[in-house]
């Protein structure tokens, strides 16, 4: 199983369909997908919305067919809502094309110029997803990584060597403040040179940051 994050530029027809929505909203992010029923064309999700300057959550517009079941939190220009709704007629047939063996994951968010979707699935279903998502927009980037359900999921993006060194650095106090060991002492414990130690750590840190912010 692989986790894929896809960034797209929306097709002109989709921009037109959501024009009024994104006139007032700068950013919409799905925090949790509660229900996705392809047979009944229904989706329910917790959504975080950030309003554009000059608008407040009271001005919140909704895409065609979407209703707000509850406003869970309001903080300045930001609102977190429980939303439910059907699929616009223009997208109904297209929506059913995404009835694949996939897990819809995070990050998934939208702006007027960008769509980001994250899914987990096997290679055949991911391939079908990549083919069909082009209906919604031009693919700008795809980030794939091994899907892991272990406790230390964030470390799944590292090589075995990077993982071992990073864990030893953490246990040794390299990331404490103040540090309990420095790079020289860590290198001595690992039995390798200081420059190699630092290089392994920097690469591991870079991969973890990219993993966490994939799609952002």
C-alpha atoms as a PDB file:
ATOM      1  CA  UNK A   1       0.000   0.000   0.000  1.00  0.00           C
ATOM      2  CA  UNK A   2       1.172   3.490  -0.886  1.00  0.00           C
ATOM      3  CA  UNK A   3       0.089   6.926   0.273  1.00  0.00           C
ATOM      4  CA  UNK A   4      -0.131   9.463  -2.553  1.00  0.00           C
ATOM      5  CA  UNK A   5      -0.623  13.228  -2.344  1.00  0.00           C
ATOM      6  CA  UNK A   6      -1.590  14.888  -5.625  1.00  0.00           C
ATOM      7  CA  UNK A   7      -1.540  18.626  -6.322  1.00  0.00           C
ATOM      8  CA  UNK A   8      -3.626  19.936  -9.218  1.00  0.00           C
ATOM      9  CA  UNK A   9      -4.532  23.187 -10.921  1.00  0.00           C
ATOM     10  CA  UNK A  10      -8.350  23.092 -11.260  1.00  0.00           C
ATOM     11  CA  UNK A  11      -9.917  22.811 -14.689  1.00  0.00           C
ATOM     12  CA  UNK A  12     -11.691  25.984 -15.951  1.00  0.00           C
ATOM     13  CA  UNK A  13     -15.157  24.404 -15.576  1.00  0.00           C
ATOM     14  CA  UNK A  14     -14.440  23.658 -11.900  1.00  0.00           C
ATOM     15  CA  UNK A  15     -13.187  27.200 -11.290  1.00  0.00           C
ATOM     16  CA  UNK A  16     -16.418  28.527 -12.779  1.00  0.00           C
ATOM     17  CA  UNK A  17     -18.529  26.153 -10.686  1.00  0.00           C
ATOM     18  CA  UNK A  18     -16.824  27.214  -7.439  1.00  0.00           C
ATOM     19  CA  UNK A  19     -16.251  30.867  -8.347  1.00  0.00           C
ATOM     20  CA  UNK A  20     -18.746  32.317  -5.849  1.00  0.00           C
ATOM     21  CA  UNK A  21     -17.434  30.015  -3.112  1.00  0.00           C
ATOM     22  CA  UNK A  22     -13.810  31.062  -3.491  1.00  0.00           C
ATOM     23  CA  UNK A  23     -14.683  34.737  -3.846  1.00  0.00           C
ATOM     24  CA  UNK A  24     -15.208  34.734  -0.084  1.00  0.00           C
ATOM     25  CA  UNK A  25     -13.128  31.754   1.027  1.00  0.00           C
ATOM     26  CA  UNK A  26      -9.355  31.705   0.772  1.00  0.00           C
ATOM     27  CA  UNK A  27      -8.784  28.124   1.890  1.00  0.00           C
ATOM     28  CA  UNK A  28     -10.838  25.029   2.718  1.00  0.00           C
ATOM     29  CA  UNK A  29      -9.324  21.920   4.295  1.00  0.00           C
ATOM     30  CA  UNK A  30     -10.940  18.591   5.101  1.00  0.00           C
ATOM     31  CA  UNK A  31      -9.904  17.735   8.650  1.00  0.00           C
ATOM     32  CA  UNK A  32     -11.818  14.467   8.754  1.00  0.00           C
ATOM     33  CA  UNK A  33     -13.827  12.604   6.135  1.00  0.00           C
ATOM     34  CA  UNK A  34     -16.701  11.054   8.080  1.00  0.00           C
ATOM     35  CA  UNK A  35     -18.698   9.521   5.260  1.00  0.00           C
ATOM     36  CA  UNK A  36     -18.155   9.123   1.525  1.00  0.00           C
ATOM     37  CA  UNK A  37     -21.037   7.280  -0.139  1.00  0.00           C
ATOM     38  CA  UNK A  38     -20.508   6.918  -3.881  1.00  0.00           C
ATOM     39  CA  UNK A  39     -23.793   5.050  -4.384  1.00  0.00           C
ATOM     40  CA  UNK A  40     -25.913   7.859  -2.919  1.00  0.00           C
ATOM     41  CA  UNK A  41     -23.567  10.703  -3.924  1.00  0.00           C
ATOM     42  CA  UNK A  42     -23.291  11.858  -0.307  1.00  0.00           C
ATOM     43  CA  UNK A  43     -20.281  13.082   1.620  1.00  0.00           C
ATOM     44  CA  UNK A  44     -19.969  14.257   5.215  1.00  0.00           C
ATOM     45  CA  UNK A  45     -16.818  15.899   6.535  1.00  0.00           C
ATOM     46  CA  UNK A  46     -15.365  18.246   9.119  1.00  0.00           C
ATOM     47  CA  UNK A  47     -14.007  21.198   7.155  1.00  0.00           C
ATOM     48  CA  UNK A  48     -11.769  24.100   8.157  1.00  0.00           C
ATOM     49  CA  UNK A  49     -12.433  27.302   6.200  1.00  0.00           C
ATOM     50  CA  UNK A  50     -10.412  30.521   6.192  1.00  0.00           C
ATOM     51  CA  UNK A  51     -12.231  33.586   4.918  1.00  0.00           C
ATOM     52  CA  UNK A  52     -10.749  36.220   2.640  1.00  0.00           C
ATOM     53  CA  UNK A  53     -10.093  39.738   3.916  1.00  0.00           C
ATOM     54  CA  UNK A  54     -13.311  41.649   4.376  1.00  0.00           C
ATOM     55  CA  UNK A  55     -15.392  38.534   5.110  1.00  0.00           C
ATOM     56  CA  UNK A  56     -16.219  36.647   8.286  1.00  0.00           C
ATOM     57  CA  UNK A  57     -17.536  33.124   8.919  1.00  0.00           C
ATOM     58  CA  UNK A  58     -21.055  34.623   8.987  1.00  0.00           C
ATOM     59  CA  UNK A  59     -20.589  35.278   5.244  1.00  0.00           C
ATOM     60  CA  UNK A  60     -19.632  31.658   4.622  1.00  0.00           C
ATOM     61  CA  UNK A  61     -20.976  30.509   1.245  1.00  0.00           C
ATOM     62  CA  UNK A  62     -21.354  26.838   0.448  1.00  0.00           C
ATOM     63  CA  UNK A  63     -20.710  24.911  -2.743  1.00  0.00           C
ATOM     64  CA  UNK A  64     -23.815  23.737  -4.635  1.00  0.00           C
ATOM     65  CA  UNK A  65     -25.665  21.024  -2.719  1.00  0.00           C
ATOM     66  CA  UNK A  66     -23.678  21.433   0.521  1.00  0.00           C
ATOM     67  CA  UNK A  67     -25.237  22.256   3.891  1.00  0.00           C
ATOM     68  CA  UNK A  68     -23.658  23.070   7.238  1.00  0.00           C
ATOM     69  CA  UNK A  69     -24.925  20.735   9.942  1.00  0.00           C
ATOM     70  CA  UNK A  70     -23.034  22.513  12.714  1.00  0.00           C
ATOM     71  CA  UNK A  71     -20.411  25.231  13.228  1.00  0.00           C
ATOM     72  CA  UNK A  72     -17.984  23.648  15.669  1.00  0.00           C
ATOM     73  CA  UNK A  73     -15.603  26.568  16.177  1.00  0.00           C
ATOM     74  CA  UNK A  74     -15.107  30.167  15.055  1.00  0.00           C
ATOM     75  CA  UNK A  75     -11.818  32.004  15.546  1.00  0.00           C
ATOM     76  CA  UNK A  76     -11.487  35.295  13.666  1.00  0.00           C
ATOM     77  CA  UNK A  77     -11.617  34.534   9.947  1.00  0.00           C
ATOM     78  CA  UNK A  78     -11.466  30.784  10.549  1.00  0.00           C
ATOM     79  CA  UNK A  79     -14.408  28.435  10.978  1.00  0.00           C
ATOM     80  CA  UNK A  80     -14.527  24.679  11.539  1.00  0.00           C
ATOM     81  CA  UNK A  81     -17.798  23.176  10.334  1.00  0.00           C
ATOM     82  CA  UNK A  82     -19.516  19.840  10.011  1.00  0.00           C
ATOM     83  CA  UNK A  83     -20.707  19.772   6.395  1.00  0.00           C
ATOM     84  CA  UNK A  84     -22.892  17.344   4.509  1.00  0.00           C
ATOM     85  CA  UNK A  85     -24.185  17.327   0.993  1.00  0.00           C
ATOM     86  CA  UNK A  86     -24.559  15.785  -2.381  1.00  0.00           C
ATOM     87  CA  UNK A  87     -22.583  16.231  -5.549  1.00  0.00           C
ATOM     88  CA  UNK A  88     -23.532  18.943  -8.079  1.00  0.00           C
ATOM     89  CA  UNK A  89     -25.200  17.584 -11.207  1.00  0.00           C
ATOM     90  CA  UNK A  90     -22.201  18.724 -13.246  1.00  0.00           C
ATOM     91  CA  UNK A  91     -19.936  16.396 -11.234  1.00  0.00           C
ATOM     92  CA  UNK A  92     -22.267  13.468 -10.521  1.00  0.00           C
ATOM     93  CA  UNK A  93     -21.014  11.074 -13.208  1.00  0.00           C
ATOM     94  CA  UNK A  94     -17.421  12.092 -12.549  1.00  0.00           C
ATOM     95  CA  UNK A  95     -17.860  11.508  -8.802  1.00  0.00           C
ATOM     96  CA  UNK A  96     -18.791   7.859  -9.380  1.00  0.00           C
ATOM     97  CA  UNK A  97     -15.539   7.360 -11.310  1.00  0.00           C
ATOM     98  CA  UNK A  98     -13.714   7.722  -7.983  1.00  0.00           C
ATOM     99  CA  UNK A  99     -15.471   4.737  -6.418  1.00  0.00           C
ATOM    100  CA  UNK A 100     -12.161   2.904  -6.069  1.00  0.00           C
ATOM    101  CA  UNK A 101     -10.553   0.746  -3.394  1.00  0.00           C
ATOM    102  CA  UNK A 102      -8.913   3.738  -1.732  1.00  0.00           C
ATOM    103  CA  UNK A 103      -8.664   5.314   1.707  1.00  0.00           C
ATOM    104  CA  UNK A 104      -9.180   9.086   1.520  1.00  0.00           C
ATOM    105  CA  UNK A 105      -6.551  10.587   3.792  1.00  0.00           C
ATOM    106  CA  UNK A 106      -4.964  13.911   4.778  1.00  0.00           C
ATOM    107  CA  UNK A 107      -3.868  16.466   3.720  1.00  0.00           C
ATOM    108  CA  UNK A 108      -6.812  17.276   1.468  1.00  0.00           C
ATOM    109  CA  UNK A 109      -7.446  20.969   0.869  1.00  0.00           C
ATOM    110  CA  UNK A 110      -8.556  23.459  -1.762  1.00  0.00           C
ATOM    111  CA  UNK A 111      -7.975  27.038  -2.884  1.00  0.00           C
ATOM    112  CA  UNK A 112      -9.135  28.830  -6.020  1.00  0.00           C
ATOM    113  CA  UNK A 113      -5.845  27.900  -7.706  1.00  0.00           C
ATOM    114  CA  UNK A 114      -4.945  24.568  -6.127  1.00  0.00           C
ATOM    115  CA  UNK A 115      -6.524  21.212  -5.293  1.00  0.00           C
ATOM    116  CA  UNK A 116      -4.684  18.742  -3.064  1.00  0.00           C
ATOM    117  CA  UNK A 117      -5.938  15.190  -2.496  1.00  0.00           C
ATOM    118  CA  UNK A 118      -4.342  12.401  -0.469  1.00  0.00           C
ATOM    119  CA  UNK A 119      -5.304   8.747  -0.842  1.00  0.00           C
ATOM    120  CA  UNK A 120      -3.959   5.365   0.245  1.00  0.00           C
ATOM    121  CA  UNK A 121      -4.218   2.318  -1.980  1.00  0.00           C
ATOM    122  CA  UNK A 122      -2.469  -0.366  -3.975  1.00  0.00           C
ATOM    123  CA  UNK A 123      -0.720   0.324  -7.265  1.00  0.00           C
ATOM    124  CA  UNK A 124      -3.628  -0.551  -9.631  1.00  0.00           C
ATOM    125  CA  UNK A 125      -6.115   1.641  -7.761  1.00  0.00           C
ATOM    126  CA  UNK A 126      -3.658   4.522  -7.439  1.00  0.00           C
ATOM    127  CA  UNK A 127      -3.034   4.331 -11.184  1.00  0.00           C
ATOM    128  CA  UNK A 128      -6.774   4.580 -11.859  1.00  0.00           C
ATOM    129  CA  UNK A 129      -7.010   7.468  -9.414  1.00  0.00           C
ATOM    130  CA  UNK A 130      -4.203   9.379 -11.182  1.00  0.00           C
ATOM    131  CA  UNK A 131      -5.947   8.861 -14.522  1.00  0.00           C
ATOM    132  CA  UNK A 132      -9.354  10.018 -13.292  1.00  0.00           C
ATOM    133  CA  UNK A 133      -8.219  12.936 -11.145  1.00  0.00           C
ATOM    134  CA  UNK A 134      -7.128  14.667 -14.357  1.00  0.00           C
ATOM    135  CA  UNK A 135     -10.826  15.327 -14.989  1.00  0.00           C
ATOM    136  CA  UNK A 136     -10.666  17.833 -12.138  1.00  0.00           C
ATOM    137  CA  UNK A 137      -7.365  19.500 -12.943  1.00  0.00           C
ATOM    138  CA  UNK A 138      -3.860  19.436 -14.347  1.00  0.00           C
ATOM    139  CA  UNK A 139      -1.498  17.431 -12.160  1.00  0.00           C
ATOM    140  CA  UNK A 140       1.386  19.606 -10.946  1.00  0.00           C
ATOM    141  CA  UNK A 141       3.026  17.163  -8.544  1.00  0.00           C
ATOM    142  CA  UNK A 142       2.622  13.698  -7.036  1.00  0.00           C
ATOM    143  CA  UNK A 143       4.233  12.636  -3.765  1.00  0.00           C
ATOM    144  CA  UNK A 144       4.205   8.912  -2.911  1.00  0.00           C
ATOM    145  CA  UNK A 145       5.436   7.087   0.157  1.00  0.00           C
ATOM    146  CA  UNK A 146       4.927   3.737   1.798  1.00  0.00           C
ATOM    147  CA  UNK A 147       1.770   3.647   3.908  1.00  0.00           C
ATOM    148  CA  UNK A 148       2.576   2.556   7.436  1.00  0.00           C
ATOM    149  CA  UNK A 149       0.298   1.960  10.377  1.00  0.00           C
ATOM    150  CA  UNK A 150       3.020   1.553  12.988  1.00  0.00           C
ATOM    151  CA  UNK A 151       3.235   3.907  15.957  1.00  0.00           C
ATOM    152  CA  UNK A 152       6.272   5.701  14.516  1.00  0.00           C
ATOM    153  CA  UNK A 153       4.586   6.321  11.188  1.00  0.00           C
ATOM    154  CA  UNK A 154       6.588   9.461  10.474  1.00  0.00           C
ATOM    155  CA  UNK A 155       9.803   7.402  10.399  1.00  0.00           C
ATOM    156  CA  UNK A 156       8.521   5.258   7.534  1.00  0.00           C
ATOM    157  CA  UNK A 157      10.017   7.741   5.058  1.00  0.00           C
ATOM    158  CA  UNK A 158      13.577   7.045   6.299  1.00  0.00           C
ATOM    159  CA  UNK A 159      16.109   4.437   5.290  1.00  0.00           C
ATOM    160  CA  UNK A 160      16.948   1.863   7.962  1.00  0.00           C
ATOM    161  CA  UNK A 161      20.306   3.546   8.555  1.00  0.00           C
ATOM    162  CA  UNK A 162      18.772   7.003   8.894  1.00  0.00           C
ATOM    163  CA  UNK A 163      16.128   5.664  11.271  1.00  0.00           C
ATOM    164  CA  UNK A 164      18.704   3.937  13.494  1.00  0.00           C
ATOM    165  CA  UNK A 165      20.926   7.016  13.691  1.00  0.00           C
ATOM    166  CA  UNK A 166      18.017   9.375  14.367  1.00  0.00           C
ATOM    167  CA  UNK A 167      16.646   7.178  17.161  1.00  0.00           C
ATOM    168  CA  UNK A 168      20.087   6.879  18.776  1.00  0.00           C
ATOM    169  CA  UNK A 169      20.511  10.647  18.525  1.00  0.00           C
ATOM    170  CA  UNK A 170      17.139  11.171  20.221  1.00  0.00           C
ATOM    171  CA  UNK A 171      17.822   8.643  22.968  1.00  0.00           C
ATOM    172  CA  UNK A 172      21.293  10.062  23.533  1.00  0.00           C
ATOM    173  CA  UNK A 173      19.979  13.579  24.097  1.00  0.00           C
ATOM    174  CA  UNK A 174      21.182  15.161  20.849  1.00  0.00           C
ATOM    175  CA  UNK A 175      17.790  16.850  20.401  1.00  0.00           C
ATOM    176  CA  UNK A 176      17.393  17.898  24.045  1.00  0.00           C
ATOM    177  CA  UNK A 177      17.805  21.546  25.015  1.00  0.00           C
ATOM    178  CA  UNK A 178      20.469  21.996  26.107  1.00  0.00           C
ATOM    179  CA  UNK A 179      21.986  19.031  24.278  1.00  0.00           C
ATOM    180  CA  UNK A 180      23.258  16.173  26.406  1.00  0.00           C
ATOM    181  CA  UNK A 181      25.601  15.040  23.620  1.00  0.00           C
ATOM    182  CA  UNK A 182      27.074  16.865  20.643  1.00  0.00           C
ATOM    183  CA  UNK A 183      27.779  15.635  17.111  1.00  0.00           C
ATOM    184  CA  UNK A 184      31.304  14.469  18.027  1.00  0.00           C
ATOM    185  CA  UNK A 185      30.036  12.374  20.934  1.00  0.00           C
ATOM    186  CA  UNK A 186      27.195  10.943  18.863  1.00  0.00           C
ATOM    187  CA  UNK A 187      29.598  10.031  16.062  1.00  0.00           C
ATOM    188  CA  UNK A 188      31.839   8.259  18.569  1.00  0.00           C
ATOM    189  CA  UNK A 189      28.888   6.209  19.851  1.00  0.00           C
ATOM    190  CA  UNK A 190      27.917   5.315  16.282  1.00  0.00           C
ATOM    191  CA  UNK A 191      31.463   4.430  15.299  1.00  0.00           C
ATOM    192  CA  UNK A 192      31.464   6.708  12.246  1.00  0.00           C
ATOM    193  CA  UNK A 193      32.899  10.121  11.423  1.00  0.00           C
ATOM    194  CA  UNK A 194      31.323  13.380  12.521  1.00  0.00           C
ATOM    195  CA  UNK A 195      30.673  14.584   8.962  1.00  0.00           C
ATOM    196  CA  UNK A 196      28.891  11.320   8.071  1.00  0.00           C
ATOM    197  CA  UNK A 197      26.821  11.528  11.255  1.00  0.00           C
ATOM    198  CA  UNK A 198      25.718  15.097  10.559  1.00  0.00           C
ATOM    199  CA  UNK A 199      24.945  14.241   6.930  1.00  0.00           C
ATOM    200  CA  UNK A 200      22.730  11.295   7.964  1.00  0.00           C
ATOM    201  CA  UNK A 201      20.889  13.475  10.487  1.00  0.00           C
ATOM    202  CA  UNK A 202      20.318  16.352   8.050  1.00  0.00           C
ATOM    203  CA  UNK A 203      18.990  14.012   5.354  1.00  0.00           C
ATOM    204  CA  UNK A 204      16.714  12.276   7.865  1.00  0.00           C
ATOM    205  CA  UNK A 205      15.422  15.602   9.196  1.00  0.00           C
ATOM    206  CA  UNK A 206      14.791  16.822   5.648  1.00  0.00           C
ATOM    207  CA  UNK A 207      12.813  13.695   4.777  1.00  0.00           C
ATOM    208  CA  UNK A 208      10.701  13.938   7.918  1.00  0.00           C
ATOM    209  CA  UNK A 209       9.880  17.600   7.260  1.00  0.00           C
ATOM    210  CA  UNK A 210       8.934  16.788   3.650  1.00  0.00           C
ATOM    211  CA  UNK A 211       6.830  13.855   4.907  1.00  0.00           C
ATOM    212  CA  UNK A 212       4.947  15.989   7.436  1.00  0.00           C
ATOM    213  CA  UNK A 213       4.324  18.855   5.026  1.00  0.00           C
ATOM    214  CA  UNK A 214       3.577  16.713   1.987  1.00  0.00           C
ATOM    215  CA  UNK A 215       0.977  18.567  -0.043  1.00  0.00           C
ATOM    216  CA  UNK A 216       1.531  21.931   1.658  1.00  0.00           C
END
